[in-house]
Every structure is written in C-alpha cells, then in structure tokens.
Amino acid sequence: MIERNPKRSEDSPLRRNLTKLRRNKAAVFGSTLILIYLIVALLAPVLFPGNPSAPNLVRSLERPSLKNPLGTDELGRSILGRIIHGSRVSLLIALGVVLVGLMIGVPLGLVSGYYGGKIDFGIQRVTDTLLAFPGFLLALGLVSVLGVGLKNTIISVGISMVPIYIRLVRGCALSVREQTYVEAARAVGTRDSAILFRHILPNVMVPITIQTSLGMGTAILFAAGLGFLGIGVQPPTPEWGAMLGSGRAYLFHAPHVATFPGIAIFLAVLGFNLAGDGLRDVLDPRFRL
C-alpha cells in the first residue's frame, strides 16, 4: 500500500506562491481593490437601480448628502450611481484592451523570436515604429482616425499595447528556443506550430500574466485620458474619464464632481499595479529571494 506524503501537497508550487502572495501586503491590498471593483461591476444594477444617465436639473451640482453620498453633477445625476455603473465600462475596456494586445502581440512575438531572420526583422521594424510613439499618443492618434466610441477606444488602446507584448514574448522565446527540450522536439520532427504552442508558449506565460495585470491598469488610465479629452467613450455613457472631464469646469464651486471620479480611476489603476507587482515578486525567478 502506497502512503501519501502529507508534505507533498503542502509544499506544492501553487501553495507556496499563494503563501508568498498573502505575505505581500501591497499585493493583497491591490487584489482586494480589484475584487471590490469586480463585485461592484457585477452588482451595479442592484447597488444603484435605475438609469444613472437620467438628468434631474432640480438637483444640479448638489453637494454630498445622505440621499446622494457623493453629490450630483451638472445635470443632477448621482455621481455615486455613475461611478458604480462606470466600473462596468472601465473594466470592459481594460479586458478588451488586454485581449487585443494578447491576440495580436503574443503570436507575433512567438513567431518573431522562434524563426528569427527576415521574419523577425520585419516584425521588429514595425514594432520599433509603433514604439517610437508614446503609448497614449499612439492611442490618441488611432482613435482620432477611427472615431470616438467604446469599440474604437478598445481597439486604439489595444493596438498601443501590442508592441509591448511583442517585445516581451520575443525576448522570452529567444531564450526558450535554445533549450534542450525544444531542440529535441525539432529533432523528432515535431511541427513548428506544435513547438510554439506546446513547448514555448507555456514557458512565457509568467511574464505574460504579469504584464496583463499591469496592462489592465494602464488601459483604464489611457481610456480615462481619452474620455477626459472628449474623444473616448461618449456621454451619456457613465465613464470615469468623461466624468472627470465634464467636472473640471466646476472645480472651484463644486469640486466633488471631478474629485470622486478621479479617486475611482486612481484606486483602480493602483489596484492593478500593486497586484501586478505582487505577481512579479512571486512568479519571476529574479525576485525570489
């Protein structure tokens, strides 16, 4: 009869990583913020029933009170309700942006790093061209060409993230392709597609996971910046950046209109950045000291 070793499950890599993550107070705080935003987004119709974009000019620019804990905006709409429903928009943008970056950047990075030669040269020259522009400026230019709206915001910010994934995955693929097990797979005649997705991709998932967490915070910030300038998600859709932009005209006599959406953006970006840093400290071998 074979006896199970009780220490084996206790010392599993997953359990060790979770223990390290729990000890990282900053990562726990960031993960808690993300969890709160997710719950708020899922329960938005329950937390604030009704239409958050319905105007009520009688209550225009009311200060925070028991009825409206965060006050109202210039059209008399509850700022709390719009922030709650805006969490859905911002998280949807962050998820869409990351998916665009992953679907385009990861395959191109794998192909560039694995094959090298002219393919690598061509992909990297396009990547260099995109990286010549600051990320937000590139997104700004793309959304100016494509037009405003939720879908075009996701596409524009997502494309600005693509070169980051290409460079990240290419660097990892260059080192992994020289490993013995990859050379053995080539020697037995394994197809290149199978090598890429069975042998190389699983070994670059750690940096991709870390970059995805950090990228979601950047996506929220970029989308909020576009909304602030008036070329992102358009009113009356409750989007934090657009709320912040409309509230800047009332900073002196109704500062709450811009303050609370700004705090929502700050906490969301902070949560994803802290969680990403925590994942890097736990998963990246260079930080395992």
Protein backbone atom coordinates (compact mmCIF):
# COMPACT_ATOMS: atom_id res chain seq x y z
CA MET A 1 0.00 0.00 0.00
CA ILE A 2 1.42 3.38 -1.03
CA GLU A 3 1.28 6.08 1.61
CA ARG A 4 0.79 9.67 0.60
CA ASN A 5 3.33 12.17 1.73
CA PRO A 6 1.39 14.96 3.53
CA LYS A 7 4.19 17.44 2.90
CA ARG A 8 3.94 16.97 -0.84
CA SER A 9 0.66 18.87 -1.21
CA GLU A 10 1.65 21.40 1.41
CA ASP A 11 4.86 22.21 -0.48
CA SER A 12 3.28 22.41 -3.94
CA PRO A 13 4.39 25.40 -6.06
CA LEU A 14 0.85 26.79 -6.15
CA ARG A 15 0.53 26.71 -2.37
CA ARG A 16 3.96 28.28 -1.91
CA ASN A 17 3.14 31.06 -4.37
CA LEU A 18 -0.19 31.76 -2.69
CA THR A 19 1.55 31.92 0.69
CA LYS A 20 4.10 34.40 -0.66
CA LEU A 21 1.34 36.45 -2.26
CA ARG A 22 -0.59 36.62 1.02
CA ARG A 23 2.52 37.84 2.82
CA ASN A 24 2.85 40.70 0.33
CA LYS A 25 0.61 43.33 1.93
CA ALA A 26 0.71 45.61 -1.10
CA ALA A 27 -0.40 42.78 -3.40
CA VAL A 28 -3.19 41.79 -1.00
CA PHE A 29 -4.38 45.41 -0.87
CA GLY A 30 -4.31 45.68 -4.67
CA SER A 31 -6.13 42.35 -5.12
CA THR A 32 -8.76 43.48 -2.62
CA LEU A 33 -9.35 46.67 -4.59
CA ILE A 34 -9.74 44.68 -7.81
CA LEU A 35 -12.16 42.29 -6.12
CA ILE A 36 -14.25 45.20 -4.83
CA TYR A 37 -14.43 46.74 -8.31
CA LEU A 38 -15.45 43.39 -9.81
CA ILE A 39 -18.22 42.94 -7.25
CA VAL A 40 -19.44 46.50 -7.78
CA ALA A 41 -19.45 46.00 -11.57
CA LEU A 42 -21.37 42.72 -11.34
CA LEU A 43 -23.92 44.10 -8.86
CA ALA A 44 -24.25 47.57 -10.38
CA PRO A 45 -27.99 47.25 -11.19
CA VAL A 46 -28.62 46.08 -7.63
CA LEU A 47 -26.44 48.68 -5.92
CA PHE A 48 -27.89 51.51 -7.99
CA PRO A 49 -31.13 50.59 -9.75
CA GLY A 50 -32.46 52.84 -12.44
CA ASN A 51 -30.83 54.85 -15.18
CA PRO A 52 -27.63 56.59 -13.98
CA SER A 53 -27.72 58.89 -17.02
CA ALA A 54 -31.23 60.27 -16.42
CA PRO A 55 -30.94 64.04 -15.76
CA ASN A 56 -32.63 65.84 -12.88
CA LEU A 57 -31.83 69.52 -13.24
CA VAL A 58 -33.59 70.39 -9.99
CA ARG A 59 -30.76 68.69 -8.10
CA SER A 60 -27.91 70.09 -10.22
CA LEU A 61 -24.50 70.30 -8.50
CA GLU A 62 -25.76 69.24 -5.06
CA ARG A 63 -23.03 68.60 -2.52
CA PRO A 64 -22.66 65.15 -0.89
CA SER A 65 -25.60 64.30 1.37
CA LEU A 66 -27.38 61.29 2.83
CA LYS A 67 -29.54 60.96 -0.28
CA ASN A 68 -26.60 61.41 -2.67
CA PRO A 69 -23.45 60.36 -0.76
CA LEU A 70 -21.12 61.71 -3.48
CA GLY A 71 -23.33 64.58 -4.63
CA THR A 72 -24.70 65.22 -8.12
CA ASP A 73 -23.20 66.53 -11.36
CA GLU A 74 -24.20 69.47 -13.55
CA LEU A 75 -27.26 67.58 -14.82
CA GLY A 76 -28.40 66.45 -11.38
CA ARG A 77 -27.27 62.84 -11.87
CA SER A 78 -25.97 60.87 -8.91
CA ILE A 79 -22.17 60.72 -9.06
CA LEU A 80 -22.15 57.55 -6.95
CA GLY A 81 -24.52 55.82 -9.35
CA ARG A 82 -22.50 56.87 -12.36
CA ILE A 83 -19.24 55.69 -10.76
CA ILE A 84 -20.85 52.33 -9.93
CA HIS A 85 -22.13 51.80 -13.47
CA GLY A 86 -18.93 53.32 -14.88
CA SER A 87 -16.95 50.50 -13.28
CA ARG A 88 -18.54 48.16 -15.83
CA VAL A 89 -17.39 50.35 -18.71
CA SER A 90 -13.84 50.78 -17.39
CA LEU A 91 -13.35 47.08 -16.62
CA LEU A 92 -14.81 46.14 -20.00
CA ILE A 93 -12.34 48.49 -21.70
CA ALA A 94 -9.44 47.06 -19.67
CA LEU A 95 -10.41 43.48 -20.54
CA GLY A 96 -10.93 44.29 -24.23
CA VAL A 97 -7.63 46.15 -24.48
CA VAL A 98 -5.70 43.27 -22.92
CA LEU A 99 -7.39 40.76 -25.25
CA VAL A 100 -6.42 42.85 -28.30
CA GLY A 101 -2.84 43.05 -27.07
CA LEU A 102 -2.70 39.31 -26.36
CA MET A 103 -4.32 38.14 -29.59
CA ILE A 104 -2.03 40.24 -31.77
CA GLY A 105 1.14 40.67 -29.73
CA VAL A 106 1.67 37.15 -28.39
CA PRO A 107 1.53 35.27 -31.75
CA LEU A 108 3.74 37.89 -33.44
CA GLY A 109 6.22 37.75 -30.55
CA LEU A 110 6.36 33.95 -30.68
CA VAL A 111 6.92 33.89 -34.46
CA SER A 112 9.49 36.67 -34.31
CA GLY A 113 11.51 35.06 -31.53
CA TYR A 114 11.31 31.49 -32.82
CA TYR A 115 12.04 31.94 -36.52
CA GLY A 116 14.33 34.97 -36.47
CA GLY A 117 15.82 36.09 -39.78
CA LYS A 118 13.76 38.19 -42.17
CA ILE A 119 10.51 37.46 -40.33
CA ASP A 120 11.99 38.74 -37.09
CA PHE A 121 13.48 41.75 -38.86
CA GLY A 122 10.15 42.75 -40.44
CA ILE A 123 8.11 42.34 -37.25
CA GLN A 124 10.66 44.23 -35.17
CA ARG A 125 10.80 47.17 -37.59
CA VAL A 126 7.03 47.56 -37.34
CA THR A 127 7.32 47.25 -33.57
CA ASP A 128 10.04 49.90 -33.48
CA THR A 129 7.80 52.22 -35.48
CA LEU A 130 4.95 51.79 -33.00
CA LEU A 131 7.27 52.19 -30.02
CA ALA A 132 8.56 55.46 -31.47
CA PHE A 133 5.29 57.00 -30.29
CA PRO A 134 4.41 57.20 -26.58
CA GLY A 135 1.61 54.75 -25.82
CA PHE A 136 -1.04 57.35 -25.05
CA LEU A 137 -0.08 59.47 -28.08
CA LEU A 138 -0.41 56.41 -30.32
CA ALA A 139 -3.84 55.63 -28.87
CA LEU A 140 -4.82 59.28 -29.30
CA GLY A 141 -3.82 59.23 -32.97
CA LEU A 142 -5.60 55.95 -33.66
CA VAL A 143 -8.87 56.99 -32.02
CA SER A 144 -8.73 60.26 -33.97
CA VAL A 145 -8.61 58.21 -37.19
CA LEU A 146 -11.10 55.50 -36.21
CA GLY A 147 -13.56 57.79 -34.44
CA VAL A 148 -14.91 58.05 -30.92
CA GLY A 149 -16.89 55.41 -29.07
CA LEU A 150 -16.39 52.37 -26.83
CA LYS A 151 -15.34 49.92 -29.56
CA ASN A 152 -12.84 52.29 -31.17
CA THR A 153 -11.39 53.18 -27.76
CA ILE A 154 -10.75 49.49 -27.04
CA ILE A 155 -9.15 48.96 -30.47
CA SER A 156 -6.98 52.08 -30.28
CA VAL A 157 -5.68 51.48 -26.75
CA GLY A 158 -5.29 47.76 -27.50
CA ILE A 159 -3.08 48.42 -30.54
CA SER A 160 -0.93 50.74 -28.42
CA MET A 161 -0.31 47.73 -26.12
CA VAL A 162 0.64 45.34 -28.94
CA PRO A 163 4.34 46.31 -29.27
CA ILE A 164 4.84 45.76 -25.53
CA TYR A 165 3.62 42.16 -25.82
CA ILE A 166 5.63 41.57 -28.98
CA ARG A 167 8.90 42.65 -27.36
CA LEU A 168 8.15 40.77 -24.13
CA VAL A 169 7.22 37.47 -25.79
CA ARG A 170 10.02 37.70 -28.36
CA GLY A 171 12.66 38.11 -25.67
CA CYS A 172 11.36 35.07 -23.79
CA ALA A 173 11.03 32.99 -26.97
CA LEU A 174 14.64 33.73 -27.96
CA SER A 175 15.89 32.12 -24.76
CA VAL A 176 13.40 29.25 -24.63
CA ARG A 177 14.03 28.12 -28.23
CA GLU A 178 17.63 27.26 -27.30
CA GLN A 179 16.58 24.86 -24.55
CA THR A 180 17.35 21.16 -24.94
CA TYR A 181 13.72 20.01 -24.98
CA VAL A 182 12.92 22.36 -27.87
CA GLU A 183 15.88 21.07 -29.85
CA ALA A 184 14.77 17.51 -29.10
CA ALA A 185 11.27 18.30 -30.35
CA ARG A 186 12.74 19.63 -33.59
CA ALA A 187 14.94 16.53 -33.93
CA VAL A 188 11.98 14.14 -33.81
CA GLY A 189 10.14 16.12 -36.48
CA THR A 190 7.58 18.00 -34.37
CA ARG A 191 5.79 20.68 -36.33
CA ASP A 192 6.72 24.30 -35.64
CA SER A 193 3.18 25.18 -34.60
CA ALA A 194 3.21 22.41 -32.00
CA ILE A 195 6.60 23.56 -30.68
CA LEU A 196 5.39 27.14 -30.42
CA PHE A 197 2.17 26.41 -28.53
CA ARG A 198 3.14 23.28 -26.58
CA HIS A 199 6.73 23.98 -25.60
CA ILE A 200 7.48 27.71 -25.90
CA LEU A 201 4.18 29.42 -25.03
CA PRO A 202 3.72 27.68 -21.63
CA ASN A 203 7.19 28.86 -20.63
CA VAL A 204 6.43 32.51 -21.37
CA MET A 205 3.09 32.59 -19.55
CA VAL A 206 4.57 34.03 -16.35
CA PRO A 207 5.76 37.33 -17.90
CA ILE A 208 2.56 37.49 -19.96
CA THR A 209 0.44 37.13 -16.80
CA ILE A 210 2.39 39.86 -15.02
CA GLN A 211 2.19 42.22 -18.00
CA THR A 212 -1.55 41.56 -18.34
CA SER A 213 -2.21 42.68 -14.77
CA LEU A 214 -0.11 45.81 -15.22
CA GLY A 215 -1.60 46.41 -18.66
CA MET A 216 -5.17 46.49 -17.34
CA GLY A 217 -4.28 49.39 -15.07
CA THR A 218 -2.63 51.20 -17.98
CA ALA A 219 -5.67 50.54 -20.17
CA ILE A 220 -8.02 52.12 -17.62
CA LEU A 221 -5.71 55.14 -17.39
CA PHE A 222 -5.41 55.56 -21.17
CA ALA A 223 -9.16 55.17 -21.70
CA ALA A 224 -9.84 57.69 -18.94
CA GLY A 225 -7.41 60.10 -20.60
CA LEU A 226 -9.21 59.77 -23.93
CA GLY A 227 -12.55 60.26 -22.20
CA PHE A 228 -11.20 63.32 -20.39
CA LEU A 229 -10.25 64.86 -23.74
CA GLY A 230 -13.69 64.08 -25.13
CA ILE A 231 -12.60 61.58 -27.79
CA GLY A 232 -13.13 58.36 -25.85
CA VAL A 233 -16.40 56.89 -24.62
CA GLN A 234 -19.07 59.49 -25.26
CA PRO A 235 -21.78 60.84 -22.92
CA PRO A 236 -24.24 59.92 -21.58
CA THR A 237 -22.41 56.61 -21.03
CA PRO A 238 -21.02 56.74 -17.48
CA GLU A 239 -17.25 56.58 -17.99
CA TRP A 240 -14.84 57.86 -15.35
CA GLY A 241 -12.61 59.85 -17.69
CA ALA A 242 -15.56 61.61 -19.34
CA MET A 243 -17.00 62.36 -15.88
CA LEU A 244 -13.68 63.84 -14.83
CA GLY A 245 -13.53 65.93 -17.99
CA SER A 246 -17.03 67.34 -17.55
CA GLY A 247 -16.33 68.12 -13.89
CA ARG A 248 -13.23 70.24 -14.49
CA ALA A 249 -15.44 73.25 -15.27
CA TYR A 250 -16.80 73.14 -11.71
CA LEU A 251 -13.59 72.62 -9.75
CA PHE A 252 -13.92 75.80 -7.70
CA HIS A 253 -17.58 75.81 -6.66
CA ALA A 254 -18.39 72.07 -6.97
CA PRO A 255 -15.09 70.15 -6.68
CA HIS A 256 -16.83 66.87 -5.83
CA VAL A 257 -17.97 66.50 -9.46
CA ALA A 258 -14.39 65.83 -10.59
CA THR A 259 -12.85 64.60 -7.34
CA PHE A 260 -14.74 61.32 -6.91
CA PRO A 261 -14.34 60.03 -10.50
CA GLY A 262 -10.63 60.87 -10.18
CA ILE A 263 -10.41 58.84 -6.98
CA ALA A 264 -12.16 55.91 -8.71
CA ILE A 265 -9.58 55.97 -11.53
CA PHE A 266 -6.70 56.28 -9.06
CA LEU A 267 -7.80 53.32 -6.93
CA ALA A 268 -8.48 51.08 -9.94
CA VAL A 269 -5.07 51.73 -11.50
CA LEU A 270 -3.38 51.39 -8.10
CA GLY A 271 -5.08 48.03 -7.51
CA PHE A 272 -3.93 46.52 -10.81
CA ASN A 273 -0.39 47.89 -10.44
CA LEU A 274 0.00 46.55 -6.89
CA ALA A 275 -1.40 43.17 -7.90
CA GLY A 276 0.95 43.06 -10.91
CA ASP A 277 3.95 43.92 -8.77
CA GLY A 278 2.95 41.20 -6.31
CA LEU A 279 2.66 38.61 -9.09
CA ARG A 280 6.08 39.64 -10.39
CA ASP A 281 7.65 39.24 -6.96
CA VAL A 282 6.13 35.77 -6.60
CA LEU A 283 6.43 34.35 -10.12
CA ASP A 284 9.56 35.99 -11.54
CA PRO A 285 12.65 33.92 -10.56
CA ARG A 286 14.78 37.10 -10.41
CA PHE A 287 12.73 38.31 -7.45
CA ARG A 288 12.56 35.03 -5.49
CA LEU A 289 14.98 35.94 -2.74
